[in-house]
Amino acid sequence: MSPTVFQYNEYRFYFFSREESRIHIHVYSSSGEAKFWLEPVIALANAHGLTEKQLRETQKIIEERKNEITKSWKEHFKG
């Protein structure tokens, strides 16, 4: 199960339900995907197909919506 947290323009931000416990978010677009850690700081974990510009853009979105992502994580994983 991969619940969508939110959509922003061409990007889908979502979780994988059966993955590690450290808070992170996945990003998908038609050109590629990425995974960002939210703890201890927001940082790129890995990426495939996205340009540096897209990675900067998605990281900025994550920074702006970190509280929303963290709240959704805790609700989804009951943590």
Protein backbone atom coordinates (compact mmCIF):
# COMPACT_ATOMS: atom_id res chain seq x y z
CA MET A 1 0.00 0.00 0.00
CA SER A 2 1.33 3.43 -0.96
CA PRO A 3 -0.93 6.17 0.40
CA THR A 4 -0.68 9.54 -1.29
CA VAL A 5 -0.03 12.35 1.18
CA PHE A 6 -0.60 15.09 -1.41
CA GLN A 7 -0.17 16.02 -5.07
CA TYR A 8 1.65 19.15 -6.14
CA ASN A 9 1.76 20.03 -9.84
CA GLU A 10 3.32 17.01 -11.58
CA TYR A 11 4.48 15.39 -8.32
CA ARG A 12 2.87 12.76 -6.13
CA PHE A 13 4.17 12.63 -2.55
CA TYR A 14 3.53 9.30 -0.84
CA PHE A 15 4.62 6.66 1.69
CA PHE A 16 5.33 2.97 1.28
CA SER A 17 3.48 1.17 4.04
CA ARG A 18 6.03 -1.59 4.52
CA GLU A 19 9.33 0.18 4.76
CA GLU A 20 11.75 1.46 7.37
CA SER A 21 10.58 3.40 10.42
CA ARG A 22 12.67 6.58 9.88
CA ILE A 23 10.35 9.34 8.63
CA HIS A 24 10.71 9.87 4.89
CA ILE A 25 8.63 10.64 1.81
CA HIS A 26 8.71 9.37 -1.76
CA VAL A 27 8.13 11.66 -4.74
CA TYR A 28 6.98 10.47 -8.15
CA SER A 29 6.57 12.23 -11.47
CA SER A 30 6.48 10.95 -15.03
CA SER A 31 10.17 11.81 -15.41
CA GLY A 32 11.44 10.02 -12.29
CA GLU A 33 11.27 9.54 -8.57
CA ALA A 34 13.07 10.34 -5.35
CA LYS A 35 13.10 9.60 -1.64
CA PHE A 36 13.78 12.25 1.01
CA TRP A 37 14.56 11.76 4.69
CA LEU A 38 12.77 14.13 7.07
CA GLU A 39 14.91 13.27 10.11
CA PRO A 40 17.23 14.42 11.48
CA VAL A 41 17.15 17.00 8.65
CA ILE A 42 15.47 17.02 5.26
CA ALA A 43 17.89 15.33 2.87
CA LEU A 44 17.80 13.45 -0.41
CA ALA A 45 18.13 9.68 0.14
CA ASN A 46 18.10 8.66 -3.53
CA ALA A 47 16.73 9.71 -6.89
CA HIS A 48 16.30 8.38 -10.42
CA GLY A 49 15.41 10.40 -13.50
CA LEU A 50 14.71 13.75 -11.86
CA THR A 51 16.83 16.76 -12.75
CA GLU A 52 18.71 18.82 -10.18
CA LYS A 53 16.10 21.54 -10.67
CA GLN A 54 13.26 19.09 -9.96
CA LEU A 55 15.07 17.80 -6.87
CA ARG A 56 15.52 21.33 -5.53
CA GLU A 57 11.87 22.07 -6.26
CA THR A 58 10.60 18.94 -4.52
CA GLN A 59 12.88 19.48 -1.53
CA LYS A 60 11.51 23.01 -1.16
CA ILE A 61 7.95 21.67 -1.24
CA ILE A 62 8.85 19.11 1.42
CA GLU A 63 10.45 21.80 3.58
CA GLU A 64 7.31 23.95 3.31
CA ARG A 65 5.00 21.01 4.12
CA LYS A 66 7.16 19.10 6.61
CA ASN A 67 4.61 19.41 9.43
CA GLU A 68 1.83 18.06 7.22
CA ILE A 69 4.00 15.15 6.07
CA THR A 70 5.07 14.31 9.64
CA LYS A 71 1.48 14.42 10.87
CA SER A 72 0.34 12.15 8.03
CA TRP A 73 3.22 9.76 8.76
CA LYS A 74 2.26 9.49 12.44
CA GLU A 75 -1.41 8.97 11.60
CA HIS A 76 -0.64 6.33 8.96
CA PHE A 77 1.91 4.45 11.02
CA LYS A 78 0.23 5.12 14.39
CA GLY A 79 3.54 6.36 15.82
